[in-house]
Amino acid sequence: MGKIKIIFFLIIGFIGYKGFIAFKNFEIGTSNKMAEIEEVAGIEKKKEVVGLLMYLGEPPKMIEHLYMESGSKCKDLKSIAEENSNAIYECARLNAVLTGKKIVKVIDKLEVIQ
């Protein structure tokens, strides 16, 4: 009788785990789909985001900006970019105009992420 209970609880736990994963993947998929729809429709919105900024020239002038999901991911990509390029890179929190998950325009730089 004890083995049957253990197997039953393992099956219930496995079903719960699979349900949680399916729900989580559904939420991620819908948010990505919304970003794609906003991008295609050209809907612009102002938002505070983390971005990877690239500067070139003397004095340094911002040439490129890239939307980042988090500050840690930005730092990782910054270190890779600095190894492969002679440009200056910076991770920062920005007020920006977005279309989907693309930065269209940087309004102002709020804070540099170290």
PDB file of N, CA and C in Angstrom:
ATOM      1  N   MET A   1       0.821  -1.191   0.000  1.00  0.00           N
ATOM      2  CA  MET A   1       0.000   0.000   0.000  1.00  0.00           C
ATOM      3  C   MET A   1       0.867   1.258   0.000  1.00  0.00           C
ATOM      4  N   GLY A   2       2.023   1.231   0.698  1.00  0.00           N
ATOM      5  CA  GLY A   2       2.909   2.388   0.780  1.00  0.00           C
ATOM      6  C   GLY A   2       3.519   2.752  -0.567  1.00  0.00           C
ATOM      7  N   LYS A   3       3.891   1.739  -1.369  1.00  0.00           N
ATOM      8  CA  LYS A   3       4.485   1.999  -2.678  1.00  0.00           C
ATOM      9  C   LYS A   3       3.472   2.641  -3.620  1.00  0.00           C
ATOM     10  N   ILE A   4       2.229   2.234  -3.512  1.00  0.00           N
ATOM     11  CA  ILE A   4       1.178   2.788  -4.371  1.00  0.00           C
ATOM     12  C   ILE A   4       0.991   4.271  -4.062  1.00  0.00           C
ATOM     13  N   LYS A   5       1.025   4.658  -2.780  1.00  0.00           N
ATOM     14  CA  LYS A   5       0.888   6.064  -2.399  1.00  0.00           C
ATOM     15  C   LYS A   5       2.047   6.890  -2.945  1.00  0.00           C
ATOM     16  N   ILE A   6       3.257   6.363  -2.849  1.00  0.00           N
ATOM     17  CA  ILE A   6       4.431   7.088  -3.349  1.00  0.00           C
ATOM     18  C   ILE A   6       4.324   7.293  -4.852  1.00  0.00           C
ATOM     19  N   ILE A   7       3.939   6.234  -5.567  1.00  0.00           N
ATOM     20  CA  ILE A   7       3.780   6.338  -7.020  1.00  0.00           C
ATOM     21  C   ILE A   7       2.679   7.335  -7.355  1.00  0.00           C
ATOM     22  N   PHE A   8       1.574   7.306  -6.625  1.00  0.00           N
ATOM     23  CA  PHE A   8       0.466   8.232  -6.845  1.00  0.00           C
ATOM     24  C   PHE A   8       0.936   9.676  -6.653  1.00  0.00           C
ATOM     25  N   PHE A   9       1.672   9.966  -5.586  1.00  0.00           N
ATOM     26  CA  PHE A   9       2.162  11.323  -5.333  1.00  0.00           C
ATOM     27  C   PHE A   9       3.183  11.756  -6.385  1.00  0.00           C
ATOM     28  N   LEU A  10       4.014  10.849  -6.844  1.00  0.00           N
ATOM     29  CA  LEU A  10       4.953  11.169  -7.910  1.00  0.00           C
ATOM     30  C   LEU A  10       4.219  11.525  -9.204  1.00  0.00           C
ATOM     31  N   ILE A  11       3.175  10.776  -9.529  1.00  0.00           N
ATOM     32  CA  ILE A  11       2.391  11.057 -10.732  1.00  0.00           C
ATOM     33  C   ILE A  11       1.692  12.411 -10.605  1.00  0.00           C
ATOM     34  N   ILE A  12       1.102  12.678  -9.448  1.00  0.00           N
ATOM     35  CA  ILE A  12       0.433  13.972  -9.221  1.00  0.00           C
ATOM     36  C   ILE A  12       1.453  15.112  -9.314  1.00  0.00           C
ATOM     37  N   GLY A  13       2.631  14.929  -8.740  1.00  0.00           N
ATOM     38  CA  GLY A  13       3.683  15.949  -8.820  1.00  0.00           C
ATOM     39  C   GLY A  13       4.141  16.187 -10.248  1.00  0.00           C
ATOM     40  N   PHE A  14       4.289  15.115 -11.003  1.00  0.00           N
ATOM     41  CA  PHE A  14       4.708  15.226 -12.401  1.00  0.00           C
ATOM     42  C   PHE A  14       3.658  15.967 -13.233  1.00  0.00           C
ATOM     43  N   ILE A  15       2.393  15.651 -13.031  1.00  0.00           N
ATOM     44  CA  ILE A  15       1.308  16.334 -13.754  1.00  0.00           C
ATOM     45  C   ILE A  15       1.293  17.815 -13.394  1.00  0.00           C
ATOM     46  N   GLY A  16       1.476  18.143 -12.116  1.00  0.00           N
ATOM     47  CA  GLY A  16       1.535  19.546 -11.695  1.00  0.00           C
ATOM     48  C   GLY A  16       2.706  20.273 -12.324  1.00  0.00           C
ATOM     49  N   TYR A  17       3.854  19.630 -12.365  1.00  0.00           N
ATOM     50  CA  TYR A  17       5.046  20.223 -12.973  1.00  0.00           C
ATOM     51  C   TYR A  17       4.819  20.489 -14.459  1.00  0.00           C
ATOM     52  N   LYS A  18       4.287  19.513 -15.176  1.00  0.00           N
ATOM     53  CA  LYS A  18       4.034  19.673 -16.611  1.00  0.00           C
ATOM     54  C   LYS A  18       3.013  20.786 -16.870  1.00  0.00           C
ATOM     55  N   GLY A  19       2.009  20.881 -16.012  1.00  0.00           N
ATOM     56  CA  GLY A  19       1.014  21.949 -16.146  1.00  0.00           C
ATOM     57  C   GLY A  19       1.636  23.318 -15.945  1.00  0.00           C
ATOM     58  N   PHE A  20       2.506  23.451 -14.947  1.00  0.00           N
ATOM     59  CA  PHE A  20       3.188  24.721 -14.675  1.00  0.00           C
ATOM     60  C   PHE A  20       4.066  25.124 -15.858  1.00  0.00           C
ATOM     61  N   ILE A  21       4.825  24.201 -16.395  1.00  0.00           N
ATOM     62  CA  ILE A  21       5.698  24.482 -17.541  1.00  0.00           C
ATOM     63  C   ILE A  21       4.878  24.895 -18.764  1.00  0.00           C
ATOM     64  N   ALA A  22       3.769  24.201 -19.008  1.00  0.00           N
ATOM     65  CA  ALA A  22       2.922  24.541 -20.156  1.00  0.00           C
ATOM     66  C   ALA A  22       2.352  25.945 -19.999  1.00  0.00           C
ATOM     67  N   PHE A  23       1.910  26.295 -18.794  1.00  0.00           N
ATOM     68  CA  PHE A  23       1.359  27.633 -18.536  1.00  0.00           C
ATOM     69  C   PHE A  23       2.434  28.705 -18.695  1.00  0.00           C
ATOM     70  N   LYS A  24       3.620  28.440 -18.191  1.00  0.00           N
ATOM     71  CA  LYS A  24       4.723  29.400 -18.288  1.00  0.00           C
ATOM     72  C   LYS A  24       5.108  29.635 -19.754  1.00  0.00           C
ATOM     73  N   ASN A  25       5.231  28.575 -20.526  1.00  0.00           N
ATOM     74  CA  ASN A  25       5.568  28.706 -21.944  1.00  0.00           C
ATOM     75  C   ASN A  25       4.472  29.437 -22.713  1.00  0.00           C
ATOM     76  N   PHE A  26       3.223  29.231 -22.339  1.00  0.00           N
ATOM     77  CA  PHE A  26       2.121  29.930 -22.986  1.00  0.00           C
ATOM     78  C   PHE A  26       2.220  31.432 -22.733  1.00  0.00           C
ATOM     79  N   GLU A  27       2.518  31.834 -21.483  1.00  0.00           N
ATOM     80  CA  GLU A  27       2.654  33.257 -21.163  1.00  0.00           C
ATOM     81  C   GLU A  27       3.802  33.884 -21.944  1.00  0.00           C
ATOM     82  N   ILE A  28       4.939  33.218 -22.036  1.00  0.00           N
ATOM     83  CA  ILE A  28       6.086  33.742 -22.771  1.00  0.00           C
ATOM     84  C   ILE A  28       5.737  33.858 -24.252  1.00  0.00           C
ATOM     85  N   GLY A  29       5.083  32.866 -24.783  1.00  0.00           N
ATOM     86  CA  GLY A  29       4.706  32.886 -26.197  1.00  0.00           C
ATOM     87  C   GLY A  29       3.748  34.016 -26.525  1.00  0.00           C
ATOM     88  N   THR A  30       2.794  34.283 -25.637  1.00  0.00           N
ATOM     89  CA  THR A  30       1.842  35.359 -25.915  1.00  0.00           C
ATOM     90  C   THR A  30       2.496  36.724 -25.828  1.00  0.00           C
ATOM     91  N   SER A  31       3.420  36.928 -24.885  1.00  0.00           N
ATOM     92  CA  SER A  31       4.080  38.238 -24.801  1.00  0.00           C
ATOM     93  C   SER A  31       4.973  38.476 -26.015  1.00  0.00           C
ATOM     94  N   ASN A  32       5.643  37.437 -26.505  1.00  0.00           N
ATOM     95  CA  ASN A  32       6.442  37.575 -27.727  1.00  0.00           C
ATOM     96  C   ASN A  32       5.550  37.856 -28.931  1.00  0.00           C
ATOM     97  N   LYS A  33       4.400  37.223 -28.997  1.00  0.00           N
ATOM     98  CA  LYS A  33       3.475  37.440 -30.103  1.00  0.00           C
ATOM     99  C   LYS A  33       2.946  38.872 -30.080  1.00  0.00           C
ATOM    100  N   MET A  34       2.644  39.399 -28.886  1.00  0.00           N
ATOM    101  CA  MET A  34       2.181  40.784 -28.769  1.00  0.00           C
ATOM    102  C   MET A  34       3.253  41.749 -29.257  1.00  0.00           C
ATOM    103  N   ALA A  35       4.516  41.492 -28.919  1.00  0.00           N
ATOM    104  CA  ALA A  35       5.612  42.352 -29.376  1.00  0.00           C
ATOM    105  C   ALA A  35       5.717  42.320 -30.899  1.00  0.00           C
ATOM    106  N   GLU A  36       5.534  41.149 -31.502  1.00  0.00           N
ATOM    107  CA  GLU A  36       5.576  41.037 -32.963  1.00  0.00           C
ATOM    108  C   GLU A  36       4.434  41.822 -33.605  1.00  0.00           C
ATOM    109  N   ILE A  37       3.235  41.735 -33.022  1.00  0.00           N
ATOM    110  CA  ILE A  37       2.080  42.447 -33.560  1.00  0.00           C
ATOM    111  C   ILE A  37       2.288  43.957 -33.458  1.00  0.00           C
ATOM    112  N   GLU A  38       2.791  44.419 -32.296  1.00  0.00           N
ATOM    113  CA  GLU A  38       3.056  45.844 -32.123  1.00  0.00           C
ATOM    114  C   GLU A  38       4.098  46.337 -33.119  1.00  0.00           C
ATOM    115  N   GLU A  39       5.099  45.507 -33.367  1.00  0.00           N
ATOM    116  CA  GLU A  39       6.154  45.886 -34.306  1.00  0.00           C
ATOM    117  C   GLU A  39       5.617  46.000 -35.728  1.00  0.00           C
ATOM    118  N   VAL A  40       4.816  45.033 -36.153  1.00  0.00           N
ATOM    119  CA  VAL A  40       4.250  45.045 -37.498  1.00  0.00           C
ATOM    120  C   VAL A  40       3.285  46.222 -37.662  1.00  0.00           C
ATOM    121  N   ALA A  41       2.486  46.487 -36.626  1.00  0.00           N
ATOM    122  CA  ALA A  41       1.500  47.567 -36.692  1.00  0.00           C
ATOM    123  C   ALA A  41       2.147  48.941 -36.548  1.00  0.00           C
ATOM    124  N   GLY A  42       3.381  48.980 -36.073  1.00  0.00           N
ATOM    125  CA  GLY A  42       4.081  50.253 -35.905  1.00  0.00           C
ATOM    126  C   GLY A  42       3.620  51.025 -34.684  1.00  0.00           C
ATOM    127  N   ILE A  43       3.098  50.325 -33.683  1.00  0.00           N
ATOM    128  CA  ILE A  43       2.635  50.974 -32.458  1.00  0.00           C
ATOM    129  C   ILE A  43       3.855  51.364 -31.633  1.00  0.00           C
ATOM    130  N   GLU A  44       3.948  52.657 -31.316  1.00  0.00           N
ATOM    131  CA  GLU A  44       5.067  53.152 -30.510  1.00  0.00           C
ATOM    132  C   GLU A  44       4.575  53.450 -29.109  1.00  0.00           C
ATOM    133  N   LYS A  45       5.406  53.143 -28.116  1.00  0.00           N
ATOM    134  CA  LYS A  45       5.072  53.467 -26.732  1.00  0.00           C
ATOM    135  C   LYS A  45       6.329  53.880 -25.998  1.00  0.00           C
ATOM    136  N   LYS A  46       6.173  54.772 -25.037  1.00  0.00           N
ATOM    137  CA  LYS A  46       7.301  55.206 -24.210  1.00  0.00           C
ATOM    138  C   LYS A  46       7.373  54.276 -23.012  1.00  0.00           C
ATOM    139  N   LYS A  47       8.596  53.852 -22.698  1.00  0.00           N
ATOM    140  CA  LYS A  47       8.770  52.897 -21.611  1.00  0.00           C
ATOM    141  C   LYS A  47      10.175  53.019 -21.045  1.00  0.00           C
ATOM    142  N   GLU A  48      10.330  52.629 -19.787  1.00  0.00           N
ATOM    143  CA  GLU A  48      11.653  52.574 -19.166  1.00  0.00           C
ATOM    144  C   GLU A  48      12.203  51.174 -19.378  1.00  0.00           C
ATOM    145  N   VAL A  49      13.366  51.068 -20.028  1.00  0.00           N
ATOM    146  CA  VAL A  49      13.947  49.775 -20.387  1.00  0.00           C
ATOM    147  C   VAL A  49      15.446  49.775 -20.108  1.00  0.00           C
ATOM    148  N   VAL A  50      16.031  48.586 -20.217  1.00  0.00           N
ATOM    149  CA  VAL A  50      17.481  48.432 -20.155  1.00  0.00           C
ATOM    150  C   VAL A  50      17.976  48.307 -21.586  1.00  0.00           C
ATOM    151  N   GLY A  51      19.037  49.029 -21.905  1.00  0.00           N
ATOM    152  CA  GLY A  51      19.553  48.983 -23.257  1.00  0.00           C
ATOM    153  C   GLY A  51      21.068  48.909 -23.289  1.00  0.00           C
ATOM    154  N   LEU A  52      21.597  48.288 -24.331  1.00  0.00           N
ATOM    155  CA  LEU A  52      23.033  48.242 -24.594  1.00  0.00           C
ATOM    156  C   LEU A  52      23.317  49.314 -25.629  1.00  0.00           C
ATOM    157  N   LEU A  53      24.159  50.274 -25.268  1.00  0.00           N
ATOM    158  CA  LEU A  53      24.464  51.410 -26.129  1.00  0.00           C
ATOM    159  C   LEU A  53      25.866  51.273 -26.695  1.00  0.00           C
ATOM    160  N   MET A  54      26.039  51.645 -27.959  1.00  0.00           N
ATOM    161  CA  MET A  54      27.347  51.586 -28.613  1.00  0.00           C
ATOM    162  C   MET A  54      27.740  52.996 -29.033  1.00  0.00           C
ATOM    163  N   TYR A  55      28.968  53.386 -28.668  1.00  0.00           N
ATOM    164  CA  TYR A  55      29.484  54.713 -28.992  1.00  0.00           C
ATOM    165  C   TYR A  55      30.714  54.574 -29.881  1.00  0.00           C
ATOM    166  N   LEU A  56      30.823  55.471 -30.875  1.00  0.00           N
ATOM    167  CA  LEU A  56      31.988  55.540 -31.747  1.00  0.00           C
ATOM    168  C   LEU A  56      32.401  56.994 -31.920  1.00  0.00           C
ATOM    169  N   GLY A  57      33.647  57.184 -32.308  1.00  0.00           N
ATOM    170  CA  GLY A  57      34.123  58.513 -32.664  1.00  0.00           C
ATOM    171  C   GLY A  57      34.783  59.250 -31.518  1.00  0.00           C
ATOM    172  N   GLU A  58      35.240  60.454 -31.852  1.00  0.00           N
ATOM    173  CA  GLU A  58      35.893  61.316 -30.865  1.00  0.00           C
ATOM    174  C   GLU A  58      35.315  62.698 -31.025  1.00  0.00           C
ATOM    175  N   PRO A  59      34.548  63.242 -30.182  1.00  0.00           N
ATOM    176  CA  PRO A  59      34.033  62.677 -28.925  1.00  0.00           C
ATOM    177  C   PRO A  59      33.044  61.542 -29.212  1.00  0.00           C
ATOM    178  N   PRO A  60      32.900  60.623 -28.250  1.00  0.00           N
ATOM    179  CA  PRO A  60      32.024  59.472 -28.475  1.00  0.00           C
ATOM    180  C   PRO A  60      30.587  59.897 -28.782  1.00  0.00           C
ATOM    181  N   LYS A  61      30.030  59.307 -29.834  1.00  0.00           N
ATOM    182  CA  LYS A  61      28.662  59.585 -30.252  1.00  0.00           C
ATOM    183  C   LYS A  61      27.900  58.265 -30.303  1.00  0.00           C
ATOM    184  N   MET A  62      26.672  58.247 -29.735  1.00  0.00           N
ATOM    185  CA  MET A  62      25.885  57.015 -29.726  1.00  0.00           C
ATOM    186  C   MET A  62      25.473  56.667 -31.154  1.00  0.00           C
ATOM    187  N   ILE A  63      25.858  55.480 -31.578  1.00  0.00           N
ATOM    188  CA  ILE A  63      25.583  55.008 -32.927  1.00  0.00           C
ATOM    189  C   ILE A  63      24.455  53.985 -32.937  1.00  0.00           C
ATOM    190  N   GLU A  64      24.407  53.136 -31.917  1.00  0.00           N
ATOM    191  CA  GLU A  64      23.488  52.006 -31.912  1.00  0.00           C
ATOM    192  C   GLU A  64      22.939  51.803 -30.510  1.00  0.00           C
ATOM    193  N   HIS A  65      21.718  51.260 -30.433  1.00  0.00           N
ATOM    194  CA  HIS A  65      21.110  50.894 -29.161  1.00  0.00           C
ATOM    195  C   HIS A  65      20.319  49.611 -29.346  1.00  0.00           C
ATOM    196  N   LEU A  66      20.342  48.764 -28.324  1.00  0.00           N
ATOM    197  CA  LEU A  66      19.722  47.449 -28.408  1.00  0.00           C
ATOM    198  C   LEU A  66      18.929  47.187 -27.136  1.00  0.00           C
ATOM    199  N   TYR A  67      17.682  46.768 -27.276  1.00  0.00           N
ATOM    200  CA  TYR A  67      16.814  46.431 -26.141  1.00  0.00           C
ATOM    201  C   TYR A  67      17.327  45.177 -25.453  1.00  0.00           C
ATOM    202  N   MET A  68      17.376  45.191 -24.118  1.00  0.00           N
ATOM    203  CA  MET A  68      17.804  44.043 -23.328  1.00  0.00           C
ATOM    204  C   MET A  68      16.708  43.662 -22.337  1.00  0.00           C
ATOM    205  N   GLU A  69      16.568  42.372 -22.093  1.00  0.00           N
ATOM    206  CA  GLU A  69      15.575  41.875 -21.140  1.00  0.00           C
ATOM    207  C   GLU A  69      15.946  42.210 -19.695  1.00  0.00           C
ATOM    208  N   SER A  70      17.253  42.186 -19.395  1.00  0.00           N
ATOM    209  CA  SER A  70      17.694  42.421 -18.017  1.00  0.00           C
ATOM    210  C   SER A  70      19.091  43.023 -18.003  1.00  0.00           C
ATOM    211  N   GLY A  71      19.445  43.567 -16.844  1.00  0.00           N
ATOM    212  CA  GLY A  71      20.767  44.156 -16.689  1.00  0.00           C
ATOM    213  C   GLY A  71      21.880  43.127 -16.753  1.00  0.00           C
ATOM    214  N   SER A  72      21.648  41.932 -16.221  1.00  0.00           N
ATOM    215  CA  SER A  72      22.688  40.898 -16.246  1.00  0.00           C
ATOM    216  C   SER A  72      22.965  40.417 -17.674  1.00  0.00           C
ATOM    217  N   LYS A  73      21.909  40.269 -18.471  1.00  0.00           N
ATOM    218  CA  LYS A  73      22.103  39.864 -19.870  1.00  0.00           C
ATOM    219  C   LYS A  73      22.845  40.958 -20.629  1.00  0.00           C
ATOM    220  N   CYS A  74      22.535  42.210 -20.308  1.00  0.00           N
ATOM    221  CA  CYS A  74      23.205  43.332 -20.955  1.00  0.00           C
ATOM    222  C   CYS A  74      24.700  43.316 -20.636  1.00  0.00           C
ATOM    223  N   LYS A  75      25.039  43.079 -19.366  1.00  0.00           N
ATOM    224  CA  LYS A  75      26.457  43.041 -18.975  1.00  0.00           C
ATOM    225  C   LYS A  75      27.204  41.919 -19.685  1.00  0.00           C
ATOM    226  N   ASP A  76      26.551  40.765 -19.825  1.00  0.00           N
ATOM    227  CA  ASP A  76      27.178  39.640 -20.522  1.00  0.00           C
ATOM    228  C   ASP A  76      27.473  39.994 -21.978  1.00  0.00           C
ATOM    229  N   LEU A  77      26.478  40.570 -22.666  1.00  0.00           N
ATOM    230  CA  LEU A  77      26.678  40.933 -24.069  1.00  0.00           C
ATOM    231  C   LEU A  77      27.674  42.075 -24.220  1.00  0.00           C
ATOM    232  N   LYS A  78      27.716  42.967 -23.241  1.00  0.00           N
ATOM    233  CA  LYS A  78      28.672  44.073 -23.275  1.00  0.00           C
ATOM    234  C   LYS A  78      30.101  43.543 -23.235  1.00  0.00           C
ATOM    235  N   SER A  79      30.351  42.589 -22.350  1.00  0.00           N
ATOM    236  CA  SER A  79      31.714  42.044 -22.244  1.00  0.00           C
ATOM    237  C   SER A  79      32.117  41.317 -23.528  1.00  0.00           C
ATOM    238  N   ILE A  80      31.182  40.594 -24.140  1.00  0.00           N
ATOM    239  CA  ILE A  80      31.477  39.911 -25.408  1.00  0.00           C
ATOM    240  C   ILE A  80      31.763  40.934 -26.501  1.00  0.00           C
ATOM    241  N   ALA A  81      30.954  41.985 -26.565  1.00  0.00           N
ATOM    242  CA  ALA A  81      31.125  43.002 -27.607  1.00  0.00           C
ATOM    243  C   ALA A  81      32.449  43.740 -27.453  1.00  0.00           C
ATOM    244  N   GLU A  82      32.838  44.040 -26.221  1.00  0.00           N
ATOM    245  CA  GLU A  82      34.092  44.760 -25.993  1.00  0.00           C
ATOM    246  C   GLU A  82      35.306  43.925 -26.380  1.00  0.00           C
ATOM    247  N   GLU A  83      35.198  42.616 -26.257  1.00  0.00           N
ATOM    248  CA  GLU A  83      36.300  41.743 -26.659  1.00  0.00           C
ATOM    249  C   GLU A  83      36.479  41.732 -28.181  1.00  0.00           C
ATOM    250  N   ASN A  84      35.377  41.924 -28.917  1.00  0.00           N
ATOM    251  CA  ASN A  84      35.398  41.775 -30.372  1.00  0.00           C
ATOM    252  C   ASN A  84      35.359  43.090 -31.136  1.00  0.00           C
ATOM    253  N   SER A  85      35.404  44.220 -30.447  1.00  0.00           N
ATOM    254  CA  SER A  85      35.253  45.497 -31.130  1.00  0.00           C
ATOM    255  C   SER A  85      36.056  46.574 -30.410  1.00  0.00           C
ATOM    256  N   ASN A  86      36.357  47.652 -31.119  1.00  0.00           N
ATOM    257  CA  ASN A  86      37.057  48.762 -30.476  1.00  0.00           C
ATOM    258  C   ASN A  86      36.094  49.893 -30.108  1.00  0.00           C
ATOM    259  N   ALA A  87      34.795  49.667 -30.238  1.00  0.00           N
ATOM    260  CA  ALA A  87      33.788  50.652 -29.858  1.00  0.00           C
ATOM    261  C   ALA A  87      33.638  50.672 -28.345  1.00  0.00           C
ATOM    262  N   ILE A  88      32.994  51.717 -27.844  1.00  0.00           N
ATOM    263  CA  ILE A  88      32.705  51.842 -26.420  1.00  0.00           C
ATOM    264  C   ILE A  88      31.270  51.388 -26.197  1.00  0.00           C
ATOM    265  N   TYR A  89      31.062  50.491 -25.239  1.00  0.00           N
ATOM    266  CA  TYR A  89      29.732  49.963 -24.946  1.00  0.00           C
ATOM    267  C   TYR A  89      29.334  50.337 -23.532  1.00  0.00           C
ATOM    268  N   GLU A  90      28.018  50.480 -23.323  1.00  0.00           N
ATOM    269  CA  GLU A  90      27.508  50.884 -22.019  1.00  0.00           C
ATOM    270  C   GLU A  90      26.112  50.285 -21.829  1.00  0.00           C
ATOM    271  N   CYS A  91      25.872  49.746 -20.642  1.00  0.00           N
ATOM    272  CA  CYS A  91      24.544  49.278 -20.272  1.00  0.00           C
ATOM    273  C   CYS A  91      23.881  50.369 -19.450  1.00  0.00           C
ATOM    274  N   ALA A  92      22.625  50.683 -19.773  1.00  0.00           N
ATOM    275  CA  ALA A  92      21.963  51.769 -19.066  1.00  0.00           C
ATOM    276  C   ALA A  92      20.461  51.545 -19.019  1.00  0.00           C
ATOM    277  N   ARG A  93      19.848  52.117 -17.973  1.00  0.00           N
ATOM    278  CA  ARG A  93      18.391  52.207 -17.924  1.00  0.00           C
ATOM    279  C   ARG A  93      18.005  53.445 -18.711  1.00  0.00           C
ATOM    280  N   LEU A  94      17.030  53.309 -19.586  1.00  0.00           N
ATOM    281  CA  LEU A  94      16.678  54.380 -20.511  1.00  0.00           C
ATOM    282  C   LEU A  94      15.186  54.666 -20.493  1.00  0.00           C
ATOM    283  N   ASN A  95      14.829  55.908 -20.747  1.00  0.00           N
ATOM    284  CA  ASN A  95      13.482  56.236 -21.186  1.00  0.00           C
ATOM    285  C   ASN A  95      13.561  56.201 -22.694  1.00  0.00           C
ATOM    286  N   ALA A  96      12.744  55.353 -23.317  1.00  0.00           N
ATOM    287  CA  ALA A  96      12.865  55.177 -24.759  1.00  0.00           C
ATOM    288  C   ALA A  96      11.501  54.981 -25.398  1.00  0.00           C
ATOM    289  N   VAL A  97      11.468  55.209 -26.690  1.00  0.00           N
ATOM    290  CA  VAL A  97      10.287  54.916 -27.495  1.00  0.00           C
ATOM    291  C   VAL A  97      10.514  53.549 -28.115  1.00  0.00           C
ATOM    292  N   LEU A  98       9.566  52.630 -27.907  1.00  0.00           N
ATOM    293  CA  LEU A  98       9.689  51.256 -28.384  1.00  0.00           C
ATOM    294  C   LEU A  98       8.636  50.946 -29.438  1.00  0.00           C
ATOM    295  N   THR A  99       8.994  50.098 -30.363  1.00  0.00           N
ATOM    296  CA  THR A  99       8.059  49.453 -31.272  1.00  0.00           C
ATOM    297  C   THR A  99       8.299  47.966 -31.098  1.00  0.00           C
ATOM    298  N   GLY A 100       7.344  47.287 -30.475  1.00  0.00           N
ATOM    299  CA  GLY A 100       7.552  45.880 -30.126  1.00  0.00           C
ATOM    300  C   GLY A 100       8.650  45.797 -29.083  1.00  0.00           C
ATOM    301  N   LYS A 101       9.720  45.084 -29.389  1.00  0.00           N
ATOM    302  CA  LYS A 101      10.872  45.009 -28.489  1.00  0.00           C
ATOM    303  C   LYS A 101      12.096  45.626 -29.141  1.00  0.00           C
ATOM    304  N   LYS A 102      11.880  46.678 -29.919  1.00  0.00           N
ATOM    305  CA  LYS A 102      12.985  47.397 -30.556  1.00  0.00           C
ATOM    306  C   LYS A 102      12.950  48.845 -30.089  1.00  0.00           C
ATOM    307  N   ILE A 103      14.121  49.355 -29.722  1.00  0.00           N
ATOM    308  CA  ILE A 103      14.226  50.755 -29.336  1.00  0.00           C
ATOM    309  C   ILE A 103      14.276  51.586 -30.612  1.00  0.00           C
ATOM    310  N   VAL A 104      13.308  52.486 -30.751  1.00  0.00           N
ATOM    311  CA  VAL A 104      13.258  53.366 -31.907  1.00  0.00           C
ATOM    312  C   VAL A 104      14.036  54.648 -31.616  1.00  0.00           C
ATOM    313  N   LYS A 105      13.856  55.193 -30.399  1.00  0.00           N
ATOM    314  CA  LYS A 105      14.494  56.447 -30.036  1.00  0.00           C
ATOM    315  C   LYS A 105      14.768  56.461 -28.536  1.00  0.00           C
ATOM    316  N   VAL A 106      15.962  56.910 -28.159  1.00  0.00           N
ATOM    317  CA  VAL A 106      16.314  57.064 -26.753  1.00  0.00           C
ATOM    318  C   VAL A 106      15.949  58.489 -26.348  1.00  0.00           C
ATOM    319  N   ILE A 107      15.055  58.623 -25.374  1.00  0.00           N
ATOM    320  CA  ILE A 107      14.654  59.943 -24.897  1.00  0.00           C
ATOM    321  C   ILE A 107      15.709  60.494 -23.948  1.00  0.00           C
ATOM    322  N   ASP A 108      16.035  59.729 -22.906  1.00  0.00           N
ATOM    323  CA  ASP A 108      17.147  60.109 -22.037  1.00  0.00           C
ATOM    324  C   ASP A 108      17.667  58.902 -21.282  1.00  0.00           C
ATOM    325  N   LYS A 109      18.918  59.029 -20.830  1.00  0.00           N
ATOM    326  CA  LYS A 109      19.599  57.970 -20.095  1.00  0.00           C
ATOM    327  C   LYS A 109      19.383  58.231 -18.609  1.00  0.00           C
ATOM    328  N   LEU A 110      18.774  57.285 -17.886  1.00  0.00           N
ATOM    329  CA  LEU A 110      18.466  57.470 -16.477  1.00  0.00           C
ATOM    330  C   LEU A 110      19.622  57.066 -15.573  1.00  0.00           C
ATOM    331  N   GLU A 111      20.224  55.914 -15.867  1.00  0.00           N
ATOM    332  CA  GLU A 111      21.255  55.381 -14.970  1.00  0.00           C
ATOM    333  C   GLU A 111      22.136  54.403 -15.740  1.00  0.00           C
ATOM    334  N   VAL A 112      23.430  54.498 -15.531  1.00  0.00           N
ATOM    335  CA  VAL A 112      24.372  53.558 -16.124  1.00  0.00           C
ATOM    336  C   VAL A 112      24.446  52.352 -15.196  1.00  0.00           C
ATOM    337  N   ILE A 113      24.344  51.164 -15.754  1.00  0.00           N
ATOM    338  CA  ILE A 113      24.421  49.913 -14.983  1.00  0.00           C
ATOM    339  C   ILE A 113      25.867  49.453 -14.976  1.00  0.00           C
ATOM    340  N   GLN A 114      26.431  49.302 -13.801  1.00  0.00           N
ATOM    341  CA  GLN A 114      27.836  48.879 -13.679  1.00  0.00           C
ATOM    342  C   GLN A 114      27.940  47.395 -13.500  1.00  0.00           C
TER     343      GLN A 114
END
